[in-house]
Each structure stands twice: as C-alpha cells, then as structure tokens.
Amino acid sequence: MRRLAIVGLALAGALVAGDGRAISLATIDPLYFNGPSRFGFTASELASAGLSVAGVASPLDTWLSAGSQSLTPLPTVGVDQHLATVYSNPQAAGHTPSLTDPVIADSTWTVRNNGTTPLPASYLVFVQADPANQYPGMPIGLDGDLLSILDYSYGGTDYLFGAVPLPALGVGQSFDVTVRYVVAGRLDYDAGQGAYLLPRFGLSDLVLPVPEPGTATALALGLVAIGGCRRALAGGDCGRSS
C-alpha cells in the first residue's frame, strides 16, 4: 500500500467498569484486521458475518486527510474520542481477553470539518489497526454491524475496509458516530494514569459522489494520510496526549 503516513496519540485515564451485557460477543459481528499486511478485513470474515461490500474505491478518487484534532496542521476531518460504554473487559477481572471473550467497548467519535469549505457526504474509513505495531499479532477489530464495507483495489490486490458514513458538514460542523472496539488480547496498562490502552487505528476520509439508484456507490479513497487515535478504557478525548 503506497503513500501512508502514520500518525497518532496514546491516551489514558481511569478504567470504566462494564455496565451490563446488552452487547456481547453473541450480539455483534467482529471483523478483525487480517487483510493483506493487516490492512482491512478478509472476504471470509465478511462472509461469516453475513456482510457484503457496499461500494468500491480507487486510488484516483478524491480523498481528504483525517485524524486527531491535536495534529498540526489540523487534518481536514478531525476526530475527538470519548469512551461511552465498556461492555466487557476480562483483563480487569484478571483474565486474558481472547477471541471467545474479547474486550468490547463503545467510543463516541466527534468528527469535525476543519476545512475552509463545506464537506460533502463522506466516509470515515478504518484502514489499519495498530499501525505502530504496539500489539504485534493481536486480533484487533471492530463490530461489522456498525460499518459499511468498501472494496479498494490497488496493484492487483483488493482491500476490504470498514467505514462509517458521514453527512455533509458545513465549515466547523461536527457529527457523532459510534465506534465499537473488539480486542482479543492483553492490553498495556499505564499504572501512572490508571488505564488499559486500546490500539490505534489508521484513518482516512473519502468523499462520496452522488449515487445513482440501483447502482453500487462509487467511493473516493485517499490513502495519503492516516490519522491514528489510541484510546484507553477511560474518558477523555483524542486531543489530549499523555
């Protein structure tokens, strides 16, 4: 994959206890980043989850930078994160998270148009998990039920990325989306900050042309910049570094 710039922040805070089991492994469709070179997902995972591709993307399509609101200069699409609910954290109970008992946590992402012109409808795309390889080999994923799947082709290889649709945003306007982490492995613990640290994600934003009824939506995907945000199982936002 060409032209990838990895940026991100490590965040931490006090552990938030799980509050109920309304969301569990039985009620979600985890998609782990097991695609080529751990970019995106695999076709077999999508099939097992009963999910299908919603649109296609090309390296020639329009792209926008996306990432943390703390970056300088600001990305066109900025993100602040706030932990919402931790449904399951086996590690807090002395167990090792696994594929059969993973960490499951919701985070509210406030996505803001930092540009100088209105932003048309777009997708916030999750290109890669753990770009800095902080957790080598660890299964890191998202709940596929909250994602649209994009097929991106480059150099003879197909990549399947998860994405969250965004509405058109005026200058300075923002929109909240829910991102559900699924992590099957032991997380780093920062004793000084009292936090289990979730992995970072590589992000990009892609602008949508107006779709025609009955046709696949053509999506724009620019993999020039990845904005990574690393979350703790805690409150806080993506604009604060440790």
C-alpha atoms as a PDB file:
ATOM      1  CA  MET A   1       0.000   0.000   0.000  1.00  0.00           C
ATOM      2  CA  ARG A   2       1.519   3.307  -1.083  1.00  0.00           C
ATOM      3  CA  ARG A   3       1.843   6.764   0.448  1.00  0.00           C
ATOM      4  CA  LEU A   4       0.853   6.006   4.021  1.00  0.00           C
ATOM      5  CA  ALA A   5       1.825   8.420   6.779  1.00  0.00           C
ATOM      6  CA  ILE A   6       1.102   7.057  10.236  1.00  0.00           C
ATOM      7  CA  VAL A   7       0.282   9.496  12.987  1.00  0.00           C
ATOM      8  CA  GLY A   8      -1.399   9.013  16.327  1.00  0.00           C
ATOM      9  CA  LEU A   9      -1.645   9.654  20.028  1.00  0.00           C
ATOM     10  CA  ALA A  10      -1.619   7.493  23.127  1.00  0.00           C
ATOM     11  CA  LEU A  11      -4.367   8.342  25.609  1.00  0.00           C
ATOM     12  CA  ALA A  12      -5.116   7.156  29.105  1.00  0.00           C
ATOM     13  CA  GLY A  13      -7.482   7.634  32.017  1.00  0.00           C
ATOM     14  CA  ALA A  14      -9.290   5.828  34.780  1.00  0.00           C
ATOM     15  CA  LEU A  15     -10.802   2.432  33.933  1.00  0.00           C
ATOM     16  CA  VAL A  16     -14.530   2.446  33.360  1.00  0.00           C
ATOM     17  CA  ALA A  17     -16.284  -0.690  34.528  1.00  0.00           C
ATOM     18  CA  GLY A  18     -18.530  -2.637  32.194  1.00  0.00           C
ATOM     19  CA  ASP A  19     -22.180  -1.767  32.691  1.00  0.00           C
ATOM     20  CA  GLY A  20     -24.366  -4.629  31.576  1.00  0.00           C
ATOM     21  CA  ARG A  21     -24.270  -7.318  28.933  1.00  0.00           C
ATOM     22  CA  ALA A  22     -26.846  -5.988  26.473  1.00  0.00           C
ATOM     23  CA  ILE A  23     -23.957  -6.023  23.995  1.00  0.00           C
ATOM     24  CA  SER A  24     -21.897  -9.215  23.979  1.00  0.00           C
ATOM     25  CA  LEU A  25     -19.954 -11.406  21.580  1.00  0.00           C
ATOM     26  CA  ALA A  26     -23.212 -13.184  20.737  1.00  0.00           C
ATOM     27  CA  THR A  27     -24.881  -9.956  19.583  1.00  0.00           C
ATOM     28  CA  ILE A  28     -22.108  -8.441  17.425  1.00  0.00           C
ATOM     29  CA  ASP A  29     -20.191  -9.405  14.263  1.00  0.00           C
ATOM     30  CA  PRO A  30     -16.474  -8.875  14.953  1.00  0.00           C
ATOM     31  CA  LEU A  31     -14.265  -8.110  11.974  1.00  0.00           C
ATOM     32  CA  TYR A  32     -10.561  -8.344  12.705  1.00  0.00           C
ATOM     33  CA  PHE A  33      -7.844  -6.595  10.707  1.00  0.00           C
ATOM     34  CA  ASN A  34      -6.498  -9.720   8.983  1.00  0.00           C
ATOM     35  CA  GLY A  35      -6.404  -8.394   5.413  1.00  0.00           C
ATOM     36  CA  PRO A  36      -3.235  -8.117   3.268  1.00  0.00           C
ATOM     37  CA  SER A  37      -0.421  -6.870   5.526  1.00  0.00           C
ATOM     38  CA  ARG A  38      -3.192  -6.415   8.143  1.00  0.00           C
ATOM     39  CA  PHE A  39      -4.881  -3.683   6.112  1.00  0.00           C
ATOM     40  CA  GLY A  40      -8.635  -4.140   6.267  1.00  0.00           C
ATOM     41  CA  PHE A  41     -10.572  -7.373   6.606  1.00  0.00           C
ATOM     42  CA  THR A  42     -10.771 -10.684   4.741  1.00  0.00           C
ATOM     43  CA  ALA A  43     -13.517 -11.866   2.419  1.00  0.00           C
ATOM     44  CA  SER A  44     -14.018 -14.978   4.544  1.00  0.00           C
ATOM     45  CA  GLU A  45     -14.655 -12.851   7.647  1.00  0.00           C
ATOM     46  CA  LEU A  46     -17.263 -10.826   5.790  1.00  0.00           C
ATOM     47  CA  ALA A  47     -18.949 -13.985   4.567  1.00  0.00           C
ATOM     48  CA  SER A  48     -19.004 -15.482   8.072  1.00  0.00           C
ATOM     49  CA  ALA A  49     -20.605 -12.298   9.399  1.00  0.00           C
ATOM     50  CA  GLY A  50     -23.128 -12.204   6.563  1.00  0.00           C
ATOM     51  CA  LEU A  51     -21.843  -8.804   5.426  1.00  0.00           C
ATOM     52  CA  SER A  52     -21.345  -7.601   1.868  1.00  0.00           C
ATOM     53  CA  VAL A  53     -19.466  -4.833   0.067  1.00  0.00           C
ATOM     54  CA  ALA A  54     -21.360  -1.537  -0.052  1.00  0.00           C
ATOM     55  CA  GLY A  55     -19.111   0.292  -2.503  1.00  0.00           C
ATOM     56  CA  VAL A  56     -15.829   0.373  -4.383  1.00  0.00           C
ATOM     57  CA  ALA A  57     -12.872   2.747  -4.226  1.00  0.00           C
ATOM     58  CA  SER A  58      -9.983   3.724  -6.470  1.00  0.00           C
ATOM     59  CA  PRO A  59      -6.596   5.367  -5.849  1.00  0.00           C
ATOM     60  CA  LEU A  60      -7.740   8.042  -8.306  1.00  0.00           C
ATOM     61  CA  ASP A  61     -10.761   9.050  -6.248  1.00  0.00           C
ATOM     62  CA  THR A  62     -10.940  12.198  -4.135  1.00  0.00           C
ATOM     63  CA  TRP A  63      -9.523  11.892  -0.624  1.00  0.00           C
ATOM     64  CA  LEU A  64      -9.164  14.065   2.457  1.00  0.00           C
ATOM     65  CA  SER A  65      -6.859  13.865   5.434  1.00  0.00           C
ATOM     66  CA  ALA A  66      -8.373  12.548   8.670  1.00  0.00           C
ATOM     67  CA  GLY A  67      -7.017  12.242  12.182  1.00  0.00           C
ATOM     68  CA  SER A  68      -6.742  13.635  15.649  1.00  0.00           C
ATOM     69  CA  GLN A  69      -7.759  17.195  16.433  1.00  0.00           C
ATOM     70  CA  SER A  70      -4.357  17.556  18.115  1.00  0.00           C
ATOM     71  CA  LEU A  71      -2.406  17.270  14.874  1.00  0.00           C
ATOM     72  CA  THR A  72      -0.555  20.257  13.402  1.00  0.00           C
ATOM     73  CA  PRO A  73      -1.659  21.258  10.870  1.00  0.00           C
ATOM     74  CA  LEU A  74      -5.203  20.165  11.560  1.00  0.00           C
ATOM     75  CA  PRO A  75      -6.475  17.418   9.273  1.00  0.00           C
ATOM     76  CA  THR A  76      -9.428  18.350   7.100  1.00  0.00           C
ATOM     77  CA  VAL A  77     -11.519  15.851   9.036  1.00  0.00           C
ATOM     78  CA  GLY A  78     -10.701  15.964  12.743  1.00  0.00           C
ATOM     79  CA  VAL A  79     -11.664  13.436  15.377  1.00  0.00           C
ATOM     80  CA  ASP A  80     -12.193  13.667  19.126  1.00  0.00           C
ATOM     81  CA  GLN A  81     -12.992  10.472  21.030  1.00  0.00           C
ATOM     82  CA  HIS A  82     -14.916   9.905  24.236  1.00  0.00           C
ATOM     83  CA  LEU A  83     -15.419   6.485  25.779  1.00  0.00           C
ATOM     84  CA  ALA A  84     -19.115   5.643  26.039  1.00  0.00           C
ATOM     85  CA  THR A  85     -19.563   2.118  27.415  1.00  0.00           C
ATOM     86  CA  VAL A  86     -17.285  -0.806  28.240  1.00  0.00           C
ATOM     87  CA  TYR A  87     -19.367  -3.945  27.826  1.00  0.00           C
ATOM     88  CA  SER A  88     -16.617  -6.444  28.541  1.00  0.00           C
ATOM     89  CA  ASN A  89     -13.060  -6.171  29.872  1.00  0.00           C
ATOM     90  CA  PRO A  90     -11.855  -9.608  31.001  1.00  0.00           C
ATOM     91  CA  GLN A  91      -8.425  -8.220  31.861  1.00  0.00           C
ATOM     92  CA  ALA A  92      -9.884  -6.062  34.630  1.00  0.00           C
ATOM     93  CA  ALA A  93     -11.102  -9.294  36.253  1.00  0.00           C
ATOM     94  CA  GLY A  94      -7.706 -10.963  35.951  1.00  0.00           C
ATOM     95  CA  HIS A  95      -8.395 -12.852  32.712  1.00  0.00           C
ATOM     96  CA  THR A  96      -6.743 -12.599  29.321  1.00  0.00           C
ATOM     97  CA  PRO A  97      -9.058 -11.304  26.575  1.00  0.00           C
ATOM     98  CA  SER A  98      -9.459 -13.832  23.774  1.00  0.00           C
ATOM     99  CA  LEU A  99     -11.438 -14.481  20.606  1.00  0.00           C
ATOM    100  CA  THR A 100     -14.107 -16.140  22.735  1.00  0.00           C
ATOM    101  CA  ASP A 101     -14.025 -13.455  25.450  1.00  0.00           C
ATOM    102  CA  PRO A 102     -12.731 -10.177  23.978  1.00  0.00           C
ATOM    103  CA  VAL A 103     -12.707  -6.612  25.184  1.00  0.00           C
ATOM    104  CA  ILE A 104     -15.823  -4.915  23.789  1.00  0.00           C
ATOM    105  CA  ALA A 105     -16.145  -1.152  24.187  1.00  0.00           C
ATOM    106  CA  ASP A 106     -18.044   1.693  22.536  1.00  0.00           C
ATOM    107  CA  SER A 107     -16.467   5.059  21.883  1.00  0.00           C
ATOM    108  CA  THR A 108     -18.250   8.175  20.656  1.00  0.00           C
ATOM    109  CA  TRP A 109     -16.257   9.855  17.909  1.00  0.00           C
ATOM    110  CA  THR A 110     -16.986  13.508  17.208  1.00  0.00           C
ATOM    111  CA  VAL A 111     -15.992  14.112  13.592  1.00  0.00           C
ATOM    112  CA  ARG A 112     -15.459  17.751  12.608  1.00  0.00           C
ATOM    113  CA  ASN A 113     -14.987  19.557   9.307  1.00  0.00           C
ATOM    114  CA  ASN A 114     -11.833  21.604   9.827  1.00  0.00           C
ATOM    115  CA  GLY A 115     -11.708  22.711   6.202  1.00  0.00           C
ATOM    116  CA  THR A 116     -12.438  26.119   4.767  1.00  0.00           C
ATOM    117  CA  THR A 117     -15.268  24.876   2.541  1.00  0.00           C
ATOM    118  CA  PRO A 118     -18.346  22.697   3.200  1.00  0.00           C
ATOM    119  CA  LEU A 119     -17.615  18.982   3.260  1.00  0.00           C
ATOM    120  CA  PRO A 120     -19.911  16.840   1.117  1.00  0.00           C
ATOM    121  CA  ALA A 121     -21.163  13.476   2.340  1.00  0.00           C
ATOM    122  CA  SER A 122     -18.185  11.224   3.001  1.00  0.00           C
ATOM    123  CA  TYR A 123     -16.973   8.110   4.745  1.00  0.00           C
ATOM    124  CA  LEU A 124     -14.574   7.901   7.670  1.00  0.00           C
ATOM    125  CA  VAL A 125     -12.522   4.835   6.738  1.00  0.00           C
ATOM    126  CA  PHE A 126     -10.692   2.459   9.076  1.00  0.00           C
ATOM    127  CA  VAL A 127      -7.712   1.420   7.000  1.00  0.00           C
ATOM    128  CA  GLN A 128      -5.496  -0.314   9.536  1.00  0.00           C
ATOM    129  CA  ALA A 129      -5.326  -1.280  13.196  1.00  0.00           C
ATOM    130  CA  ASP A 130      -2.226  -0.829  15.350  1.00  0.00           C
ATOM    131  CA  PRO A 131      -0.121   0.892  12.643  1.00  0.00           C
ATOM    132  CA  ALA A 132       2.798   1.341  15.055  1.00  0.00           C
ATOM    133  CA  ASN A 133       2.747  -2.414  15.870  1.00  0.00           C
ATOM    134  CA  GLN A 134       2.331  -1.838  19.588  1.00  0.00           C
ATOM    135  CA  TYR A 135       0.396  -5.108  19.832  1.00  0.00           C
ATOM    136  CA  PRO A 136       2.053  -7.432  17.277  1.00  0.00           C
ATOM    137  CA  GLY A 137      -0.135 -10.329  16.223  1.00  0.00           C
ATOM    138  CA  MET A 138      -3.021  -9.346  18.489  1.00  0.00           C
ATOM    139  CA  PRO A 139      -6.518  -9.760  16.988  1.00  0.00           C
ATOM    140  CA  ILE A 140      -7.862  -6.197  16.794  1.00  0.00           C
ATOM    141  CA  GLY A 141     -11.209  -5.449  15.250  1.00  0.00           C
ATOM    142  CA  LEU A 142     -14.464  -3.554  15.052  1.00  0.00           C
ATOM    143  CA  ASP A 143     -18.118  -4.545  15.121  1.00  0.00           C
ATOM    144  CA  GLY A 144     -19.056  -5.066  11.498  1.00  0.00           C
ATOM    145  CA  ASP A 145     -22.695  -4.311  12.267  1.00  0.00           C
ATOM    146  CA  LEU A 146     -21.763  -0.625  12.650  1.00  0.00           C
ATOM    147  CA  LEU A 147     -19.732  -0.420   9.435  1.00  0.00           C
ATOM    148  CA  SER A 148     -20.158  -0.135   5.698  1.00  0.00           C
ATOM    149  CA  ILE A 149     -17.657  -2.231   3.734  1.00  0.00           C
ATOM    150  CA  LEU A 150     -15.590  -0.700   0.936  1.00  0.00           C
ATOM    151  CA  ASP A 151     -13.621  -2.626  -1.688  1.00  0.00           C
ATOM    152  CA  TYR A 152     -10.390  -0.801  -2.568  1.00  0.00           C
ATOM    153  CA  SER A 153      -8.171  -2.175  -5.346  1.00  0.00           C
ATOM    154  CA  TYR A 154      -4.533  -1.263  -5.833  1.00  0.00           C
ATOM    155  CA  GLY A 155      -1.654  -3.045  -7.530  1.00  0.00           C
ATOM    156  CA  GLY A 156      -3.706  -6.138  -8.220  1.00  0.00           C
ATOM    157  CA  THR A 157      -4.724  -6.534  -4.572  1.00  0.00           C
ATOM    158  CA  ASP A 158      -8.187  -5.987  -3.120  1.00  0.00           C
ATOM    159  CA  TYR A 159      -8.535  -4.463   0.334  1.00  0.00           C
ATOM    160  CA  LEU A 160     -11.784  -4.563   2.302  1.00  0.00           C
ATOM    161  CA  PHE A 161     -12.108  -1.586   4.632  1.00  0.00           C
ATOM    162  CA  GLY A 162     -14.730  -0.722   7.229  1.00  0.00           C
ATOM    163  CA  ALA A 163     -16.199   2.764   7.043  1.00  0.00           C
ATOM    164  CA  VAL A 164     -18.719   4.964   8.820  1.00  0.00           C
ATOM    165  CA  PRO A 165     -20.906   7.249   6.674  1.00  0.00           C
ATOM    166  CA  LEU A 166     -20.852  10.951   7.473  1.00  0.00           C
ATOM    167  CA  PRO A 167     -23.433  13.538   6.377  1.00  0.00           C
ATOM    168  CA  ALA A 168     -22.489  16.738   4.593  1.00  0.00           C
ATOM    169  CA  LEU A 169     -20.846  19.087   7.102  1.00  0.00           C
ATOM    170  CA  GLY A 170     -20.546  22.853   6.913  1.00  0.00           C
ATOM    171  CA  VAL A 171     -17.344  24.575   7.939  1.00  0.00           C
ATOM    172  CA  GLY A 172     -16.796  23.884  11.639  1.00  0.00           C
ATOM    173  CA  GLN A 173     -19.749  21.499  11.894  1.00  0.00           C
ATOM    174  CA  SER A 174     -19.395  18.110  13.579  1.00  0.00           C
ATOM    175  CA  PHE A 175     -21.202  14.790  13.724  1.00  0.00           C
ATOM    176  CA  ASP A 176     -21.054  11.991  16.318  1.00  0.00           C
ATOM    177  CA  VAL A 177     -20.594   8.342  15.377  1.00  0.00           C
ATOM    178  CA  THR A 178     -20.288   5.197  17.500  1.00  0.00           C
ATOM    179  CA  VAL A 179     -17.203   3.021  17.076  1.00  0.00           C
ATOM    180  CA  ARG A 180     -17.227  -0.395  18.749  1.00  0.00           C
ATOM    181  CA  TYR A 181     -13.805  -1.849  19.543  1.00  0.00           C
ATOM    182  CA  VAL A 182     -13.276  -5.625  19.761  1.00  0.00           C
ATOM    183  CA  VAL A 183      -9.842  -6.670  21.051  1.00  0.00           C
ATOM    184  CA  ALA A 184      -8.764 -10.250  21.758  1.00  0.00           C
ATOM    185  CA  GLY A 185      -5.530  -9.905  23.719  1.00  0.00           C
ATOM    186  CA  ARG A 186      -3.883  -8.347  26.737  1.00  0.00           C
ATOM    187  CA  LEU A 187      -3.732  -4.568  26.700  1.00  0.00           C
ATOM    188  CA  ASP A 188      -0.915  -2.424  28.026  1.00  0.00           C
ATOM    189  CA  TYR A 189      -1.658  -0.917  31.420  1.00  0.00           C
ATOM    190  CA  ASP A 190      -0.362   2.505  32.396  1.00  0.00           C
ATOM    191  CA  ALA A 191      -0.225   2.437  36.195  1.00  0.00           C
ATOM    192  CA  GLY A 192       0.531   6.148  36.419  1.00  0.00           C
ATOM    193  CA  GLN A 193      -2.646   7.001  34.574  1.00  0.00           C
ATOM    194  CA  GLY A 194      -4.721   4.004  35.661  1.00  0.00           C
ATOM    195  CA  ALA A 195      -5.545   2.923  32.115  1.00  0.00           C
ATOM    196  CA  TYR A 196      -5.730  -0.060  29.812  1.00  0.00           C
ATOM    197  CA  LEU A 197      -4.746   1.309  26.412  1.00  0.00           C
ATOM    198  CA  LEU A 198      -6.708   0.292  23.337  1.00  0.00           C
ATOM    199  CA  PRO A 199      -4.894   0.110  19.985  1.00  0.00           C
ATOM    200  CA  ARG A 200      -4.701   2.934  17.485  1.00  0.00           C
ATOM    201  CA  PHE A 201      -6.485   2.913  14.152  1.00  0.00           C
ATOM    202  CA  GLY A 202      -5.281   4.298  10.844  1.00  0.00           C
ATOM    203  CA  LEU A 203      -7.914   6.599   9.311  1.00  0.00           C
ATOM    204  CA  SER A 204      -8.718   8.303   6.029  1.00  0.00           C
ATOM    205  CA  ASP A 205     -11.729  10.248   4.800  1.00  0.00           C
ATOM    206  CA  LEU A 206     -13.277   9.662   1.388  1.00  0.00           C
ATOM    207  CA  VAL A 207     -15.738  11.878  -0.405  1.00  0.00           C
ATOM    208  CA  LEU A 208     -18.834  10.373  -1.986  1.00  0.00           C
ATOM    209  CA  PRO A 209     -20.161  11.290  -5.415  1.00  0.00           C
ATOM    210  CA  VAL A 210     -23.944  11.388  -5.720  1.00  0.00           C
ATOM    211  CA  PRO A 211     -25.008   7.725  -6.195  1.00  0.00           C
ATOM    212  CA  GLU A 212     -27.459   6.595  -8.830  1.00  0.00           C
ATOM    213  CA  PRO A 213     -30.357   4.408  -7.616  1.00  0.00           C
ATOM    214  CA  GLY A 214     -29.752   0.726  -8.171  1.00  0.00           C
ATOM    215  CA  THR A 215     -26.018   1.040  -8.689  1.00  0.00           C
ATOM    216  CA  ALA A 216     -23.076   0.453  -6.399  1.00  0.00           C
ATOM    217  CA  THR A 217     -21.937   3.644  -4.714  1.00  0.00           C
ATOM    218  CA  ALA A 218     -18.572   4.755  -6.041  1.00  0.00           C
ATOM    219  CA  LEU A 219     -16.418   5.852  -3.145  1.00  0.00           C
ATOM    220  CA  ALA A 220     -13.350   8.038  -3.020  1.00  0.00           C
ATOM    221  CA  LEU A 221     -10.454   6.690  -1.001  1.00  0.00           C
ATOM    222  CA  GLY A 222      -7.198   8.577  -0.424  1.00  0.00           C
ATOM    223  CA  LEU A 223      -4.530   6.686   1.441  1.00  0.00           C
ATOM    224  CA  VAL A 224      -2.127   9.588   1.629  1.00  0.00           C
ATOM    225  CA  ALA A 225      -2.517  10.235   5.347  1.00  0.00           C
ATOM    226  CA  ILE A 226      -3.581   8.073   8.220  1.00  0.00           C
ATOM    227  CA  GLY A 227      -4.677   9.715  11.445  1.00  0.00           C
ATOM    228  CA  GLY A 228      -4.343   7.300  14.333  1.00  0.00           C
ATOM    229  CA  CYS A 229      -6.030   7.666  17.661  1.00  0.00           C
ATOM    230  CA  ARG A 230      -5.291   5.334  20.504  1.00  0.00           C
ATOM    231  CA  ARG A 231      -7.963   5.004  23.122  1.00  0.00           C
ATOM    232  CA  ALA A 232      -7.859   3.986  26.741  1.00  0.00           C
ATOM    233  CA  LEU A 233     -10.690   2.266  28.528  1.00  0.00           C
ATOM    234  CA  ALA A 234     -11.491   5.617  30.049  1.00  0.00           C
ATOM    235  CA  GLY A 235     -12.940   9.047  29.469  1.00  0.00           C
ATOM    236  CA  GLY A 236     -11.099  11.724  27.569  1.00  0.00           C
ATOM    237  CA  ASP A 237     -10.690  12.855  24.004  1.00  0.00           C
ATOM    238  CA  CYS A 238      -8.324  12.318  21.105  1.00  0.00           C
ATOM    239  CA  GLY A 239      -6.840  15.769  21.512  1.00  0.00           C
ATOM    240  CA  ARG A 240      -5.072  15.016  24.777  1.00  0.00           C
ATOM    241  CA  SER A 241      -1.752  13.267  24.866  1.00  0.00           C
ATOM    242  CA  SER A 242      -0.102  11.534  27.735  1.00  0.00           C
END
